Every structure is written in structure tokens, then in C-alpha cells.
N, C-alpha and C. Protein backbone atom coordinates (compact mmCIF):
# COMPACT_ATOMS: atom_id res chain seq x y z
N MET A 1 134.29 36.51 112.64
CA MET A 1 133.73 37.81 112.38
C MET A 1 133.91 38.68 113.64
N LYS A 2 134.30 39.94 113.41
CA LYS A 2 134.44 40.87 114.53
C LYS A 2 133.18 41.71 114.66
N GLU A 3 132.87 42.00 115.87
CA GLU A 3 131.69 42.82 116.14
C GLU A 3 132.14 44.23 116.51
N ILE A 4 131.50 45.20 115.90
CA ILE A 4 131.78 46.61 116.22
C ILE A 4 130.57 47.17 116.92
N VAL A 5 130.80 47.77 118.07
CA VAL A 5 129.72 48.36 118.84
C VAL A 5 129.95 49.87 118.87
N LEU A 6 128.96 50.61 118.43
CA LEU A 6 129.02 52.06 118.48
C LEU A 6 128.15 52.54 119.64
N ARG A 7 128.74 53.33 120.49
CA ARG A 7 128.01 53.88 121.63
C ARG A 7 127.68 55.33 121.32
N VAL A 8 126.40 55.66 121.30
CA VAL A 8 125.96 57.02 121.06
C VAL A 8 125.63 57.64 122.42
N PRO A 9 126.31 58.74 122.78
CA PRO A 9 126.06 59.34 124.08
C PRO A 9 124.67 59.96 124.16
N GLU A 10 124.12 59.94 125.33
CA GLU A 10 122.83 60.57 125.58
C GLU A 10 123.06 62.07 125.75
N PRO A 11 122.03 62.88 125.52
CA PRO A 11 122.22 64.33 125.66
C PRO A 11 122.75 64.74 127.03
N GLY A 12 122.34 64.03 128.06
CA GLY A 12 122.81 64.35 129.40
C GLY A 12 124.30 64.14 129.59
N GLU A 13 124.87 63.31 128.76
CA GLU A 13 126.31 63.06 128.84
C GLU A 13 127.11 64.10 128.05
N ILE A 14 126.47 64.76 127.11
CA ILE A 14 127.16 65.74 126.27
C ILE A 14 127.11 67.13 126.89
N PHE A 15 125.93 67.54 127.29
CA PHE A 15 125.73 68.90 127.78
C PHE A 15 125.79 68.97 129.30
N PRO A 16 126.58 69.88 129.84
CA PRO A 16 126.62 70.01 131.29
C PRO A 16 125.32 70.61 131.83
N ARG A 17 125.09 70.42 133.09
CA ARG A 17 123.88 70.91 133.75
C ARG A 17 123.71 72.41 133.58
N GLU A 18 124.79 73.17 133.67
CA GLU A 18 124.74 74.62 133.55
C GLU A 18 124.21 75.04 132.17
N PHE A 19 124.66 74.32 131.14
CA PHE A 19 124.19 74.61 129.78
C PHE A 19 122.68 74.41 129.71
N LYS A 20 122.21 73.30 130.26
CA LYS A 20 120.79 73.00 130.22
C LYS A 20 119.98 74.09 130.94
N MET A 21 120.50 74.56 132.08
CA MET A 21 119.80 75.61 132.82
C MET A 21 119.74 76.90 132.00
N HIS A 22 120.83 77.25 131.33
CA HIS A 22 120.82 78.45 130.49
C HIS A 22 119.80 78.32 129.37
N MET A 23 119.74 77.15 128.77
CA MET A 23 118.80 76.94 127.67
C MET A 23 117.35 76.99 128.14
N VAL A 24 117.08 76.44 129.30
CA VAL A 24 115.72 76.49 129.85
C VAL A 24 115.34 77.93 130.13
N ARG A 25 116.25 78.68 130.72
CA ARG A 25 115.96 80.10 131.03
C ARG A 25 115.79 80.92 129.75
N ALA A 26 116.62 80.66 128.74
CA ALA A 26 116.50 81.38 127.47
C ALA A 26 115.15 81.08 126.81
N TYR A 27 114.75 79.82 126.84
CA TYR A 27 113.46 79.43 126.26
C TYR A 27 112.32 80.11 127.00
N LYS A 28 112.44 80.17 128.32
CA LYS A 28 111.42 80.83 129.13
C LYS A 28 111.32 82.31 128.75
N GLU A 29 112.46 82.99 128.59
CA GLU A 29 112.47 84.40 128.22
C GLU A 29 111.85 84.59 126.83
N PHE A 30 112.15 83.68 125.92
CA PHE A 30 111.57 83.74 124.59
C PHE A 30 110.04 83.66 124.68
N LEU A 31 109.54 82.71 125.46
CA LEU A 31 108.09 82.56 125.61
C LEU A 31 107.47 83.77 126.29
N LEU A 32 108.15 84.34 127.28
CA LEU A 32 107.64 85.54 127.93
C LEU A 32 107.57 86.72 126.96
N GLY A 33 108.54 86.80 126.05
CA GLY A 33 108.51 87.83 125.02
C GLY A 33 107.29 87.67 124.13
N LEU A 34 107.04 86.43 123.69
CA LEU A 34 105.84 86.17 122.87
C LEU A 34 104.57 86.50 123.63
N LYS A 35 104.56 86.16 124.91
CA LYS A 35 103.39 86.42 125.75
C LYS A 35 103.10 87.91 125.81
N SER A 36 104.15 88.73 125.93
CA SER A 36 103.94 90.18 126.02
C SER A 36 103.37 90.73 124.71
N ILE A 37 103.81 90.19 123.57
CA ILE A 37 103.27 90.62 122.27
C ILE A 37 101.78 90.25 122.19
N ILE A 38 101.45 89.04 122.58
CA ILE A 38 100.07 88.57 122.52
C ILE A 38 99.18 89.39 123.44
N GLU A 39 99.65 89.64 124.66
CA GLU A 39 98.85 90.42 125.61
C GLU A 39 98.59 91.83 125.09
N LYS A 40 99.59 92.46 124.45
CA LYS A 40 99.43 93.81 123.91
C LYS A 40 98.39 93.81 122.80
N ARG A 41 98.43 92.79 121.93
CA ARG A 41 97.44 92.70 120.85
C ARG A 41 96.03 92.49 121.41
N ILE A 42 95.92 91.67 122.46
CA ILE A 42 94.62 91.45 123.09
C ILE A 42 94.09 92.76 123.66
N GLU A 43 94.95 93.56 124.30
CA GLU A 43 94.54 94.86 124.84
C GLU A 43 93.98 95.76 123.72
N LYS A 44 94.65 95.77 122.57
CA LYS A 44 94.18 96.59 121.46
C LYS A 44 92.82 96.11 120.96
N ILE A 45 92.66 94.80 120.85
CA ILE A 45 91.38 94.24 120.41
C ILE A 45 90.28 94.58 121.41
N GLU A 46 90.58 94.47 122.70
CA GLU A 46 89.58 94.80 123.72
C GLU A 46 89.18 96.27 123.66
N LYS A 47 90.11 97.16 123.35
CA LYS A 47 89.80 98.58 123.21
C LYS A 47 88.88 98.80 122.02
N ILE A 48 89.17 98.11 120.91
CA ILE A 48 88.30 98.22 119.73
C ILE A 48 86.90 97.72 120.06
N GLU A 49 86.82 96.58 120.77
CA GLU A 49 85.51 96.05 121.16
C GLU A 49 84.76 97.05 122.04
N LYS A 50 85.46 97.66 122.97
CA LYS A 50 84.84 98.64 123.88
C LYS A 50 84.34 99.84 123.09
N ASP A 51 85.19 100.34 122.19
CA ASP A 51 84.79 101.49 121.38
C ASP A 51 83.57 101.16 120.54
N LEU A 52 83.53 99.96 119.96
CA LEU A 52 82.38 99.55 119.15
C LEU A 52 81.12 99.45 120.00
N SER A 53 81.25 98.89 121.20
CA SER A 53 80.07 98.72 122.05
C SER A 53 79.54 100.07 122.55
N GLU A 54 80.42 101.07 122.61
CA GLU A 54 80.00 102.41 123.03
C GLU A 54 79.52 103.25 121.85
N GLY A 55 79.52 102.66 120.66
CA GLY A 55 79.03 103.36 119.49
C GLY A 55 80.03 104.30 118.85
N LYS A 56 81.27 104.21 119.23
CA LYS A 56 82.28 105.09 118.63
C LYS A 56 82.61 104.60 117.23
N ASN A 57 82.83 105.55 116.35
CA ASN A 57 83.21 105.20 114.98
C ASN A 57 84.70 104.92 114.93
N ILE A 58 85.04 103.87 114.24
CA ILE A 58 86.44 103.53 114.05
C ILE A 58 86.76 103.73 112.58
N LYS A 59 87.76 104.53 112.31
CA LYS A 59 88.13 104.82 110.94
C LYS A 59 89.35 103.98 110.56
N ARG A 60 89.30 103.46 109.37
CA ARG A 60 90.44 102.71 108.87
C ARG A 60 91.21 103.64 107.94
N ILE A 61 92.49 103.79 108.21
CA ILE A 61 93.35 104.65 107.41
C ILE A 61 94.31 103.76 106.64
N GLU A 62 94.25 103.90 105.32
CA GLU A 62 95.15 103.08 104.49
C GLU A 62 96.44 103.83 104.28
N VAL A 63 97.55 103.16 104.55
CA VAL A 63 98.87 103.75 104.38
C VAL A 63 99.53 103.10 103.20
N LYS A 64 100.02 103.95 102.29
CA LYS A 64 100.67 103.42 101.10
C LYS A 64 102.15 103.74 101.12
């Protein structure tokens, strides 16, 4: 009987270091983009909370 051995390369053997660095940086930029969206929404919520605590009326306008 003959034995067949299949060698599966590890990711480090397939992708060069430069590729990995680009991917890490791209992922970081993606997360920073999400962070900026979240921070902007938090600012809006904090403004609403401030307006409510100061007794300001907030009107809801329905757009169709």
C-alpha cells in the first residue's frame, strides 16, 4: 500500500508579511470608521438628554 501525504500550508506561508500589515491597517481603519459613527450618535443622544434635563421640548417630525 502506498501512503499519500497532503501538506496544507499555514497562512503565514501563503501571505507575505506586507499583505498581513495592509490587512491589519485596513481592519483598523474600518474599526475607526465605526467608532466615529458610534461617537457621533452618542453626541446626539447626549444633546437630547441635555435638552430634556433643561426642560426643552423635543418635537418629533414624521417624514413620509
